[in-house]
Amino acid sequence: MATFNLNHHRNELWRRRRHRAGDPAGETGESVLVSWLLTAVMCLALAAPCPPAALPWVAAGLFSLSGFAWLGLALTRGVPPAAAPTLTPWDAALLSFAASFGVQAAARLGLLGA
């Protein structure tokens, strides 16, 4: 039975060419941070038309969904989850989950007026 292997040997030639050309090995920390900020703004923009009572819960749900999307991106790229000198999709997933938890905590404490 065939398995899904991201480190397949056909990618080796492409990787050698990329390193020889002097391109960066992956996304920089700034591009991941900017992408995550754009994702967070999109989540808030999608939650904005909701009624005020449901706004924090919808925003928290969207942040959680974006966290799962970033997690899927991190898993499919094969980036190591720790010991990276720059921000990785793993960090963006953690930021999304932390934002979801923060919005939920603020809503339960009554800080958002809901």
PDB file of N, CA and C in Angstrom:
ATOM      1  N   MET A   1       0.846  -1.167   0.000  1.00  0.00           N
ATOM      2  CA  MET A   1       0.000   0.000   0.000  1.00  0.00           C
ATOM      3  C   MET A   1       0.895   1.236   0.000  1.00  0.00           C
ATOM      4  N   ALA A   2       0.588   2.192  -0.829  1.00  0.00           N
ATOM      5  CA  ALA A   2       1.371   3.421  -0.925  1.00  0.00           C
ATOM      6  C   ALA A   2       1.019   4.348   0.228  1.00  0.00           C
ATOM      7  N   THR A   3       2.015   5.042   0.722  1.00  0.00           N
ATOM      8  CA  THR A   3       1.794   6.003   1.797  1.00  0.00           C
ATOM      9  C   THR A   3       2.080   7.400   1.289  1.00  0.00           C
ATOM     10  N   PHE A   4       1.575   8.377   1.990  1.00  0.00           N
ATOM     11  CA  PHE A   4       1.795   9.781   1.655  1.00  0.00           C
ATOM     12  C   PHE A   4       3.086  10.231   2.321  1.00  0.00           C
ATOM     13  N   ASN A   5       4.137  10.377   1.530  1.00  0.00           N
ATOM     14  CA  ASN A   5       5.438  10.758   2.052  1.00  0.00           C
ATOM     15  C   ASN A   5       5.832  12.104   1.466  1.00  0.00           C
ATOM     16  N   LEU A   6       5.945  13.119   2.326  1.00  0.00           N
ATOM     17  CA  LEU A   6       6.308  14.451   1.863  1.00  0.00           C
ATOM     18  C   LEU A   6       7.774  14.554   1.481  1.00  0.00           C
ATOM     19  N   ASN A   7       8.594  13.649   1.954  1.00  0.00           N
ATOM     20  CA  ASN A   7      10.024  13.695   1.666  1.00  0.00           C
ATOM     21  C   ASN A   7      10.378  12.731   0.539  1.00  0.00           C
ATOM     22  N   HIS A   8       9.617  12.764  -0.506  1.00  0.00           N
ATOM     23  CA  HIS A   8       9.823  11.847  -1.619  1.00  0.00           C
ATOM     24  C   HIS A   8      11.076  12.239  -2.390  1.00  0.00           C
ATOM     25  N   HIS A   9      11.734  11.287  -2.991  1.00  0.00           N
ATOM     26  CA  HIS A   9      13.018  11.521  -3.649  1.00  0.00           C
ATOM     27  C   HIS A   9      12.902  12.423  -4.871  1.00  0.00           C
ATOM     28  N   ARG A  10      11.734  12.572  -5.490  1.00  0.00           N
ATOM     29  CA  ARG A  10      11.615  13.450  -6.656  1.00  0.00           C
ATOM     30  C   ARG A  10      11.795  14.910  -6.291  1.00  0.00           C
ATOM     31  N   ASN A  11      11.594  15.264  -5.047  1.00  0.00           N
ATOM     32  CA  ASN A  11      11.756  16.645  -4.612  1.00  0.00           C
ATOM     33  C   ASN A  11      13.221  17.012  -4.386  1.00  0.00           C
ATOM     34  N   GLU A  12      14.107  16.034  -4.351  1.00  0.00           N
ATOM     35  CA  GLU A  12      15.511  16.303  -4.047  1.00  0.00           C
ATOM     36  C   GLU A  12      16.160  17.203  -5.096  1.00  0.00           C
ATOM     37  N   LEU A  13      15.895  16.979  -6.365  1.00  0.00           N
ATOM     38  CA  LEU A  13      16.474  17.803  -7.409  1.00  0.00           C
ATOM     39  C   LEU A  13      16.006  19.241  -7.272  1.00  0.00           C
ATOM     40  N   TRP A  14      14.720  19.420  -6.996  1.00  0.00           N
ATOM     41  CA  TRP A  14      14.186  20.765  -6.825  1.00  0.00           C
ATOM     42  C   TRP A  14      14.827  21.457  -5.623  1.00  0.00           C
ATOM     43  N   ARG A  15      15.029  20.724  -4.540  1.00  0.00           N
ATOM     44  CA  ARG A  15      15.654  21.308  -3.354  1.00  0.00           C
ATOM     45  C   ARG A  15      17.092  21.707  -3.626  1.00  0.00           C
ATOM     46  N   ARG A  16      17.842  20.876  -4.338  1.00  0.00           N
ATOM     47  CA  ARG A  16      19.225  21.225  -4.646  1.00  0.00           C
ATOM     48  C   ARG A  16      19.292  22.464  -5.520  1.00  0.00           C
ATOM     49  N   ARG A  17      18.410  22.585  -6.473  1.00  0.00           N
ATOM     50  CA  ARG A  17      18.395  23.776  -7.323  1.00  0.00           C
ATOM     51  C   ARG A  17      18.057  25.015  -6.518  1.00  0.00           C
ATOM     52  N   ARG A  18      17.136  24.893  -5.592  1.00  0.00           N
ATOM     53  CA  ARG A  18      16.737  26.044  -4.804  1.00  0.00           C
ATOM     54  C   ARG A  18      17.900  26.538  -3.943  1.00  0.00           C
ATOM     55  N   HIS A  19      18.636  25.631  -3.316  1.00  0.00           N
ATOM     56  CA  HIS A  19      19.759  26.032  -2.478  1.00  0.00           C
ATOM     57  C   HIS A  19      20.904  26.578  -3.310  1.00  0.00           C
ATOM     58  N   ARG A  20      21.074  26.063  -4.501  1.00  0.00           N
ATOM     59  CA  ARG A  20      22.137  26.540  -5.369  1.00  0.00           C
ATOM     60  C   ARG A  20      21.837  27.946  -5.868  1.00  0.00           C
ATOM     61  N   ALA A  21      20.562  28.272  -6.072  1.00  0.00           N
ATOM     62  CA  ALA A  21      20.188  29.588  -6.575  1.00  0.00           C
ATOM     63  C   ALA A  21      20.291  30.669  -5.503  1.00  0.00           C
ATOM     64  N   GLY A  22      20.432  30.292  -4.253  1.00  0.00           N
ATOM     65  CA  GLY A  22      20.573  31.262  -3.175  1.00  0.00           C
ATOM     66  C   GLY A  22      19.242  31.752  -2.631  1.00  0.00           C
ATOM     67  N   ASP A  23      18.150  31.106  -3.017  1.00  0.00           N
ATOM     68  CA  ASP A  23      16.849  31.482  -2.484  1.00  0.00           C
ATOM     69  C   ASP A  23      16.771  31.084  -1.019  1.00  0.00           C
ATOM     70  N   PRO A  24      15.974  31.807  -0.231  1.00  0.00           N
ATOM     71  CA  PRO A  24      15.818  31.396   1.164  1.00  0.00           C
ATOM     72  C   PRO A  24      15.174  30.026   1.249  1.00  0.00           C
ATOM     73  N   ALA A  25      15.528  29.290   2.271  1.00  0.00           N
ATOM     74  CA  ALA A  25      15.055  27.913   2.427  1.00  0.00           C
ATOM     75  C   ALA A  25      13.564  27.843   2.688  1.00  0.00           C
ATOM     76  N   GLY A  26      13.003  28.862   3.251  1.00  0.00           N
ATOM     77  CA  GLY A  26      11.567  28.874   3.552  1.00  0.00           C
ATOM     78  C   GLY A  26      11.111  30.303   3.752  1.00  0.00           C
ATOM     79  N   GLU A  27       9.893  30.430   4.228  1.00  0.00           N
ATOM     80  CA  GLU A  27       9.386  31.758   4.493  1.00  0.00           C
ATOM     81  C   GLU A  27      10.127  32.371   5.664  1.00  0.00           C
ATOM     82  N   THR A  28      10.312  33.669   5.616  1.00  0.00           N
ATOM     83  CA  THR A  28      10.943  34.346   6.736  1.00  0.00           C
ATOM     84  C   THR A  28       9.917  34.536   7.843  1.00  0.00           C
ATOM     85  N   GLY A  29      10.413  34.877   9.013  1.00  0.00           N
ATOM     86  CA  GLY A  29       9.526  35.103  10.134  1.00  0.00           C
ATOM     87  C   GLY A  29       8.579  36.268   9.900  1.00  0.00           C
ATOM     88  N   GLU A  30       9.059  37.288   9.188  1.00  0.00           N
ATOM     89  CA  GLU A  30       8.215  38.447   8.921  1.00  0.00           C
ATOM     90  C   GLU A  30       7.050  38.088   8.014  1.00  0.00           C
ATOM     91  N   SER A  31       7.291  37.264   7.009  1.00  0.00           N
ATOM     92  CA  SER A  31       6.203  36.918   6.096  1.00  0.00           C
ATOM     93  C   SER A  31       5.163  36.044   6.800  1.00  0.00           C
ATOM     94  N   VAL A  32       5.586  35.184   7.702  1.00  0.00           N
ATOM     95  CA  VAL A  32       4.628  34.376   8.461  1.00  0.00           C
ATOM     96  C   VAL A  32       3.821  35.269   9.392  1.00  0.00           C
ATOM     97  N   LEU A  33       4.477  36.231  10.023  1.00  0.00           N
ATOM     98  CA  LEU A  33       3.772  37.141  10.922  1.00  0.00           C
ATOM     99  C   LEU A  33       2.767  37.996  10.159  1.00  0.00           C
ATOM    100  N   VAL A  34       3.163  38.514   9.011  1.00  0.00           N
ATOM    101  CA  VAL A  34       2.250  39.322   8.200  1.00  0.00           C
ATOM    102  C   VAL A  34       1.082  38.466   7.716  1.00  0.00           C
ATOM    103  N   SER A  35       1.360  37.245   7.304  1.00  0.00           N
ATOM    104  CA  SER A  35       0.278  36.345   6.870  1.00  0.00           C
ATOM    105  C   SER A  35      -0.679  36.050   8.019  1.00  0.00           C
ATOM    106  N   TRP A  36      -0.139  35.849   9.213  1.00  0.00           N
ATOM    107  CA  TRP A  36      -1.019  35.585  10.342  1.00  0.00           C
ATOM    108  C   TRP A  36      -1.850  36.825  10.676  1.00  0.00           C
ATOM    109  N   LEU A  37      -1.245  38.008  10.619  1.00  0.00           N
ATOM    110  CA  LEU A  37      -2.002  39.230  10.900  1.00  0.00           C
ATOM    111  C   LEU A  37      -3.129  39.420   9.880  1.00  0.00           C
ATOM    112  N   LEU A  38      -2.856  39.128   8.622  1.00  0.00           N
ATOM    113  CA  LEU A  38      -3.906  39.211   7.608  1.00  0.00           C
ATOM    114  C   LEU A  38      -5.011  38.190   7.875  1.00  0.00           C
ATOM    115  N   THR A  39      -4.636  37.019   8.342  1.00  0.00           N
ATOM    116  CA  THR A  39      -5.626  36.008   8.700  1.00  0.00           C
ATOM    117  C   THR A  39      -6.478  36.480   9.876  1.00  0.00           C
ATOM    118  N   ALA A  40      -5.847  37.097  10.867  1.00  0.00           N
ATOM    119  CA  ALA A  40      -6.585  37.593  12.029  1.00  0.00           C
ATOM    120  C   ALA A  40      -7.541  38.720  11.633  1.00  0.00           C
ATOM    121  N   VAL A  41      -7.095  39.616  10.764  1.00  0.00           N
ATOM    122  CA  VAL A  41      -7.968  40.696  10.299  1.00  0.00           C
ATOM    123  C   VAL A  41      -9.145  40.126   9.517  1.00  0.00           C
ATOM    124  N   MET A  42      -8.896  39.104   8.711  1.00  0.00           N
ATOM    125  CA  MET A  42      -9.973  38.475   7.959  1.00  0.00           C
ATOM    126  C   MET A  42     -10.984  37.817   8.899  1.00  0.00           C
ATOM    127  N   CYS A  43     -10.495  37.175   9.956  1.00  0.00           N
ATOM    128  CA  CYS A  43     -11.410  36.564  10.933  1.00  0.00           C
ATOM    129  C   CYS A  43     -12.282  37.617  11.594  1.00  0.00           C
ATOM    130  N   LEU A  44     -11.676  38.733  11.971  1.00  0.00           N
ATOM    131  CA  LEU A  44     -12.451  39.797  12.611  1.00  0.00           C
ATOM    132  C   LEU A  44     -13.431  40.441  11.636  1.00  0.00           C
ATOM    133  N   ALA A  45     -13.026  40.574  10.371  1.00  0.00           N
ATOM    134  CA  ALA A  45     -13.917  41.162   9.374  1.00  0.00           C
ATOM    135  C   ALA A  45     -15.109  40.244   9.099  1.00  0.00           C
ATOM    136  N   LEU A  46     -14.878  38.939   9.104  1.00  0.00           N
ATOM    137  CA  LEU A  46     -15.980  38.008   8.896  1.00  0.00           C
ATOM    138  C   LEU A  46     -16.917  37.963  10.106  1.00  0.00           C
ATOM    139  N   ALA A  47     -16.403  38.218  11.288  1.00  0.00           N
ATOM    140  CA  ALA A  47     -17.231  38.188  12.492  1.00  0.00           C
ATOM    141  C   ALA A  47     -17.959  39.509  12.731  1.00  0.00           C
ATOM    142  N   ALA A  48     -17.537  40.585  12.083  1.00  0.00           N
ATOM    143  CA  ALA A  48     -18.091  41.910  12.340  1.00  0.00           C
ATOM    144  C   ALA A  48     -19.599  42.031  12.088  1.00  0.00           C
ATOM    145  N   PRO A  49     -20.168  41.422  11.048  1.00  0.00           N
ATOM    146  CA  PRO A  49     -21.616  41.599  10.830  1.00  0.00           C
ATOM    147  C   PRO A  49     -22.510  40.850  11.819  1.00  0.00           C
ATOM    148  N   CYS A  50     -21.957  40.070  12.697  1.00  0.00           N
ATOM    149  CA  CYS A  50     -22.753  39.289  13.653  1.00  0.00           C
ATOM    150  C   CYS A  50     -23.378  40.194  14.701  1.00  0.00           C
ATOM    151  N   PRO A  51     -24.463  39.744  15.342  1.00  0.00           N
ATOM    152  CA  PRO A  51     -25.039  40.515  16.446  1.00  0.00           C
ATOM    153  C   PRO A  51     -24.030  40.643  17.590  1.00  0.00           C
ATOM    154  N   PRO A  52     -24.100  41.724  18.342  1.00  0.00           N
ATOM    155  CA  PRO A  52     -23.096  41.958  19.401  1.00  0.00           C
ATOM    156  C   PRO A  52     -22.996  40.830  20.430  1.00  0.00           C
ATOM    157  N   ALA A  53     -24.099  40.163  20.711  1.00  0.00           N
ATOM    158  CA  ALA A  53     -24.054  39.087  21.711  1.00  0.00           C
ATOM    159  C   ALA A  53     -23.278  37.873  21.202  1.00  0.00           C
ATOM    160  N   ALA A  54     -23.284  37.638  19.892  1.00  0.00           N
ATOM    161  CA  ALA A  54     -22.617  36.471  19.325  1.00  0.00           C
ATOM    162  C   ALA A  54     -21.230  36.788  18.775  1.00  0.00           C
ATOM    163  N   LEU A  55     -20.896  38.059  18.702  1.00  0.00           N
ATOM    164  CA  LEU A  55     -19.630  38.469  18.083  1.00  0.00           C
ATOM    165  C   LEU A  55     -18.397  37.815  18.697  1.00  0.00           C
ATOM    166  N   PRO A  56     -18.224  37.803  20.021  1.00  0.00           N
ATOM    167  CA  PRO A  56     -17.008  37.179  20.568  1.00  0.00           C
ATOM    168  C   PRO A  56     -16.922  35.688  20.273  1.00  0.00           C
ATOM    169  N   TRP A  57     -18.059  35.001  20.280  1.00  0.00           N
ATOM    170  CA  TRP A  57     -18.036  33.553  20.080  1.00  0.00           C
ATOM    171  C   TRP A  57     -17.764  33.214  18.620  1.00  0.00           C
ATOM    172  N   VAL A  58     -18.290  34.013  17.718  1.00  0.00           N
ATOM    173  CA  VAL A  58     -18.018  33.790  16.297  1.00  0.00           C
ATOM    174  C   VAL A  58     -16.552  34.090  16.003  1.00  0.00           C
ATOM    175  N   ALA A  59     -16.044  35.181  16.574  1.00  0.00           N
ATOM    176  CA  ALA A  59     -14.633  35.536  16.369  1.00  0.00           C
ATOM    177  C   ALA A  59     -13.718  34.447  16.938  1.00  0.00           C
ATOM    178  N   ALA A  60     -14.056  33.938  18.114  1.00  0.00           N
ATOM    179  CA  ALA A  60     -13.243  32.868  18.712  1.00  0.00           C
ATOM    180  C   ALA A  60     -13.282  31.614  17.856  1.00  0.00           C
ATOM    181  N   GLY A  61     -14.450  31.292  17.319  1.00  0.00           N
ATOM    182  CA  GLY A  61     -14.553  30.130  16.437  1.00  0.00           C
ATOM    183  C   GLY A  61     -13.750  30.299  15.156  1.00  0.00           C
ATOM    184  N   LEU A  62     -13.772  31.495  14.588  1.00  0.00           N
ATOM    185  CA  LEU A  62     -12.991  31.751  13.380  1.00  0.00           C
ATOM    186  C   LEU A  62     -11.490  31.708  13.667  1.00  0.00           C
ATOM    187  N   PHE A  63     -11.086  32.232  14.813  1.00  0.00           N
ATOM    188  CA  PHE A  63      -9.671  32.135  15.188  1.00  0.00           C
ATOM    189  C   PHE A  63      -9.255  30.678  15.364  1.00  0.00           C
ATOM    190  N   SER A  64     -10.135  29.887  15.950  1.00  0.00           N
ATOM    191  CA  SER A  64      -9.831  28.472  16.130  1.00  0.00           C
ATOM    192  C   SER A  64      -9.727  27.763  14.778  1.00  0.00           C
ATOM    193  N   LEU A  65     -10.626  28.067  13.855  1.00  0.00           N
ATOM    194  CA  LEU A  65     -10.550  27.480  12.514  1.00  0.00           C
ATOM    195  C   LEU A  65      -9.270  27.894  11.791  1.00  0.00           C
ATOM    196  N   SER A  66      -8.885  29.150  11.956  1.00  0.00           N
ATOM    197  CA  SER A  66      -7.635  29.575  11.315  1.00  0.00           C
ATOM    198  C   SER A  66      -6.434  28.880  11.960  1.00  0.00           C
ATOM    199  N   GLY A  67      -6.530  28.588  13.252  1.00  0.00           N
ATOM    200  CA  GLY A  67      -5.466  27.825  13.904  1.00  0.00           C
ATOM    201  C   GLY A  67      -5.331  26.429  13.322  1.00  0.00           C
ATOM    202  N   PHE A  68      -6.470  25.797  13.042  1.00  0.00           N
ATOM    203  CA  PHE A  68      -6.414  24.472  12.421  1.00  0.00           C
ATOM    204  C   PHE A  68      -5.886  24.552  10.994  1.00  0.00           C
ATOM    205  N   ALA A  69      -6.208  25.634  10.288  1.00  0.00           N
ATOM    206  CA  ALA A  69      -5.677  25.804   8.930  1.00  0.00           C
ATOM    207  C   ALA A  69      -4.157  25.985   8.968  1.00  0.00           C
ATOM    208  N   TRP A  70      -3.665  26.802   9.902  1.00  0.00           N
ATOM    209  CA  TRP A  70      -2.213  26.977  10.039  1.00  0.00           C
ATOM    210  C   TRP A  70      -1.552  25.673  10.467  1.00  0.00           C
ATOM    211  N   LEU A  71      -2.232  24.914  11.315  1.00  0.00           N
ATOM    212  CA  LEU A  71      -1.697  23.621  11.743  1.00  0.00           C
ATOM    213  C   LEU A  71      -1.584  22.666  10.561  1.00  0.00           C
ATOM    214  N   GLY A  72      -2.586  22.652   9.716  1.00  0.00           N
ATOM    215  CA  GLY A  72      -2.526  21.829   8.515  1.00  0.00           C
ATOM    216  C   GLY A  72      -1.399  22.254   7.591  1.00  0.00           C
ATOM    217  N   LEU A  73      -1.192  23.560   7.465  1.00  0.00           N
ATOM    218  CA  LEU A  73      -0.089  24.063   6.650  1.00  0.00           C
ATOM    219  C   LEU A  73       1.252  23.635   7.228  1.00  0.00           C
ATOM    220  N   ALA A  74       1.382  23.708   8.545  1.00  0.00           N
ATOM    221  CA  ALA A  74       2.635  23.306   9.185  1.00  0.00           C
ATOM    222  C   ALA A  74       2.896  21.813   9.004  1.00  0.00           C
ATOM    223  N   LEU A  75       1.853  21.014   9.083  1.00  0.00           N
ATOM    224  CA  LEU A  75       2.023  19.570   8.931  1.00  0.00           C
ATOM    225  C   LEU A  75       2.383  19.183   7.502  1.00  0.00           C
ATOM    226  N   THR A  76       1.793  19.843   6.523  1.00  0.00           N
ATOM    227  CA  THR A  76       2.070  19.471   5.133  1.00  0.00           C
ATOM    228  C   THR A  76       3.399  20.000   4.629  1.00  0.00           C
ATOM    229  N   ARG A  77       3.911  21.062   5.221  1.00  0.00           N
ATOM    230  CA  ARG A  77       5.200  21.586   4.794  1.00  0.00           C
ATOM    231  C   ARG A  77       6.372  20.827   5.388  1.00  0.00           C
ATOM    232  N   GLY A  78       6.158  20.122   6.460  1.00  0.00           N
ATOM    233  CA  GLY A  78       7.226  19.354   7.082  1.00  0.00           C
ATOM    234  C   GLY A  78       8.228  20.224   7.825  1.00  0.00           C
ATOM    235  N   VAL A  79       7.778  21.371   8.321  1.00  0.00           N
ATOM    236  CA  VAL A  79       8.648  22.268   9.077  1.00  0.00           C
ATOM    237  C   VAL A  79       8.785  21.723  10.488  1.00  0.00           C
ATOM    238  N   PRO A  80      10.001  21.692  11.042  1.00  0.00           N
ATOM    239  CA  PRO A  80      10.130  21.215  12.427  1.00  0.00           C
ATOM    240  C   PRO A  80       9.407  22.159  13.387  1.00  0.00           C
ATOM    241  N   PRO A  81       8.723  21.618  14.398  1.00  0.00           N
ATOM    242  CA  PRO A  81       7.927  22.462  15.283  1.00  0.00           C
ATOM    243  C   PRO A  81       8.721  23.285  16.285  1.00  0.00           C
ATOM    244  N   ALA A  82       9.972  22.970  16.474  1.00  0.00           N
ATOM    245  CA  ALA A  82      10.746  23.720  17.462  1.00  0.00           C
ATOM    246  C   ALA A  82      12.150  23.965  16.933  1.00  0.00           C
ATOM    247  N   ALA A  83      12.860  24.812  17.620  1.00  0.00           N
ATOM    248  CA  ALA A  83      14.262  25.115  17.340  1.00  0.00           C
ATOM    249  C   ALA A  83      14.462  25.792  15.987  1.00  0.00           C
ATOM    250  N   ALA A  84      13.474  26.559  15.534  1.00  0.00           N
ATOM    251  CA  ALA A  84      13.630  27.318  14.301  1.00  0.00           C
ATOM    252  C   ALA A  84      13.988  28.758  14.667  1.00  0.00           C
ATOM    253  N   PRO A  85      14.927  29.368  13.949  1.00  0.00           N
ATOM    254  CA  PRO A  85      15.326  30.729  14.294  1.00  0.00           C
ATOM    255  C   PRO A  85      14.288  31.778  13.920  1.00  0.00           C
ATOM    256  N   THR A  86      13.350  31.452  13.035  1.00  0.00           N
ATOM    257  CA  THR A  86      12.317  32.394  12.623  1.00  0.00           C
ATOM    258  C   THR A  86      10.947  31.822  12.948  1.00  0.00           C
ATOM    259  N   LEU A  87       9.922  32.633  12.742  1.00  0.00           N
ATOM    260  CA  LEU A  87       8.560  32.158  12.963  1.00  0.00           C
ATOM    261  C   LEU A  87       8.191  31.145  11.893  1.00  0.00           C
ATOM    262  N   THR A  88       7.473  30.131  12.299  1.00  0.00           N
ATOM    263  CA  THR A  88       7.050  29.076  11.393  1.00  0.00           C
ATOM    264  C   THR A  88       5.523  29.001  11.411  1.00  0.00           C
ATOM    265  N   PRO A  89       4.923  28.225  10.515  1.00  0.00           N
ATOM    266  CA  PRO A  89       3.464  28.038  10.596  1.00  0.00           C
ATOM    267  C   PRO A  89       2.995  27.443  11.922  1.00  0.00           C
ATOM    268  N   TRP A  90       3.865  26.719  12.610  1.00  0.00           N
ATOM    269  CA  TRP A  90       3.512  26.220  13.947  1.00  0.00           C
ATOM    270  C   TRP A  90       3.255  27.392  14.886  1.00  0.00           C
ATOM    271  N   ASP A  91       4.096  28.412  14.812  1.00  0.00           N
ATOM    272  CA  ASP A  91       3.916  29.587  15.664  1.00  0.00           C
ATOM    273  C   ASP A  91       2.637  30.329  15.317  1.00  0.00           C
ATOM    274  N   ALA A  92       2.325  30.411  14.030  1.00  0.00           N
ATOM    275  CA  ALA A  92       1.092  31.067  13.609  1.00  0.00           C
ATOM    276  C   ALA A  92      -0.123  30.303  14.119  1.00  0.00           C
ATOM    277  N   ALA A  93      -0.060  28.974  14.103  1.00  0.00           N
ATOM    278  CA  ALA A  93      -1.161  28.177  14.645  1.00  0.00           C
ATOM    279  C   ALA A  93      -1.330  28.446  16.140  1.00  0.00           C
ATOM    280  N   LEU A  94      -0.220  28.506  16.854  1.00  0.00           N
ATOM    281  CA  LEU A  94      -0.302  28.800  18.289  1.00  0.00           C
ATOM    282  C   LEU A  94      -0.860  30.196  18.545  1.00  0.00           C
ATOM    283  N   LEU A  95      -0.480  31.164  17.719  1.00  0.00           N
ATOM    284  CA  LEU A  95      -1.023  32.518  17.862  1.00  0.00           C
ATOM    285  C   LEU A  95      -2.531  32.532  17.634  1.00  0.00           C
ATOM    286  N   SER A  96      -3.008  31.778  16.651  1.00  0.00           N
ATOM    287  CA  SER A  96      -4.450  31.719  16.384  1.00  0.00           C
ATOM    288  C   SER A  96      -5.196  31.070  17.539  1.00  0.00           C
ATOM    289  N   PHE A  97      -4.658  29.972  18.049  1.00  0.00           N
ATOM    290  CA  PHE A  97      -5.316  29.318  19.184  1.00  0.00           C
ATOM    291  C   PHE A  97      -5.281  30.210  20.429  1.00  0.00           C
ATOM    292  N   ALA A  98      -4.189  30.939  20.637  1.00  0.00           N
ATOM    293  CA  ALA A  98      -4.108  31.861  21.772  1.00  0.00           C
ATOM    294  C   ALA A  98      -5.098  33.012  21.613  1.00  0.00           C
ATOM    295  N   ALA A  99      -5.262  33.514  20.393  1.00  0.00           N
ATOM    296  CA  ALA A  99      -6.239  34.570  20.163  1.00  0.00           C
ATOM    297  C   ALA A  99      -7.652  34.060  20.427  1.00  0.00           C
ATOM    298  N   SER A 100      -7.940  32.838  20.010  1.00  0.00           N
ATOM    299  CA  SER A 100      -9.253  32.253  20.269  1.00  0.00           C
ATOM    300  C   SER A 100      -9.504  32.121  21.771  1.00  0.00           C
ATOM    301  N   PHE A 101      -8.499  31.614  22.479  1.00  0.00           N
ATOM    302  CA  PHE A 101      -8.635  31.475  23.927  1.00  0.00           C
ATOM    303  C   PHE A 101      -8.787  32.842  24.598  1.00  0.00           C
ATOM    304  N   GLY A 102      -8.040  33.835  24.134  1.00  0.00           N
ATOM    305  CA  GLY A 102      -8.129  35.176  24.716  1.00  0.00           C
ATOM    306  C   GLY A 102      -9.493  35.809  24.514  1.00  0.00           C
ATOM    307  N   VAL A 103     -10.052  35.649  23.329  1.00  0.00           N
ATOM    308  CA  VAL A 103     -11.386  36.206  23.066  1.00  0.00           C
ATOM    309  C   VAL A 103     -12.430  35.485  23.914  1.00  0.00           C
ATOM    310  N   GLN A 104     -12.330  34.180  24.040  1.00  0.00           N
ATOM    311  CA  GLN A 104     -13.279  33.439  24.865  1.00  0.00           C
ATOM    312  C   GLN A 104     -13.182  33.846  26.324  1.00  0.00           C
ATOM    313  N   ALA A 105     -11.951  33.986  26.819  1.00  0.00           N
ATOM    314  CA  ALA A 105     -11.760  34.377  28.229  1.00  0.00           C
ATOM    315  C   ALA A 105     -12.307  35.790  28.475  1.00  0.00           C
ATOM    316  N   ALA A 106     -12.040  36.700  27.548  1.00  0.00           N
ATOM    317  CA  ALA A 106     -12.547  38.065  27.708  1.00  0.00           C
ATOM    318  C   ALA A 106     -14.076  38.100  27.671  1.00  0.00           C
ATOM    319  N   ALA A 107     -14.672  37.271  26.815  1.00  0.00           N
ATOM    320  CA  ALA A 107     -16.131  37.235  26.746  1.00  0.00           C
ATOM    321  C   ALA A 107     -16.727  36.663  28.021  1.00  0.00           C
ATOM    322  N   ARG A 108     -16.116  35.622  28.571  1.00  0.00           N
ATOM    323  CA  ARG A 108     -16.641  35.030  29.814  1.00  0.00           C
ATOM    324  C   ARG A 108     -16.482  35.963  31.005  1.00  0.00           C
ATOM    325  N   LEU A 109     -15.441  36.782  30.968  1.00  0.00           N
ATOM    326  CA  LEU A 109     -15.235  37.740  32.060  1.00  0.00           C
ATOM    327  C   LEU A 109     -16.087  38.998  31.894  1.00  0.00           C
ATOM    328  N   GLY A 110     -16.771  39.120  30.785  1.00  0.00           N
ATOM    329  CA  GLY A 110     -17.618  40.269  30.546  1.00  0.00           C
ATOM    330  C   GLY A 110     -16.874  41.499  30.080  1.00  0.00           C
ATOM    331  N   LEU A 111     -15.663  41.329  29.590  1.00  0.00           N
ATOM    332  CA  LEU A 111     -14.854  42.466  29.160  1.00  0.00           C
ATOM    333  C   LEU A 111     -15.246  42.985  27.777  1.00  0.00           C
ATOM    334  N   LEU A 112     -15.984  42.195  27.013  1.00  0.00           N
ATOM    335  CA  LEU A 112     -16.359  42.600  25.662  1.00  0.00           C
ATOM    336  C   LEU A 112     -17.793  43.085  25.571  1.00  0.00           C
ATOM    337  N   GLY A 113     -18.474  43.193  26.689  1.00  0.00           N
ATOM    338  CA  GLY A 113     -19.830  43.699  26.712  1.00  0.00           C
ATOM    339  C   GLY A 113     -20.870  42.709  26.210  1.00  0.00           C
ATOM    340  N   ALA A 114     -20.497  41.430  26.096  1.00  0.00           N
ATOM    341  CA  ALA A 114     -21.463  40.444  25.616  1.00  0.00           C
ATOM    342  C   ALA A 114     -22.079  39.700  26.783  1.00  0.00           C
TER     343      ALA A 114
END
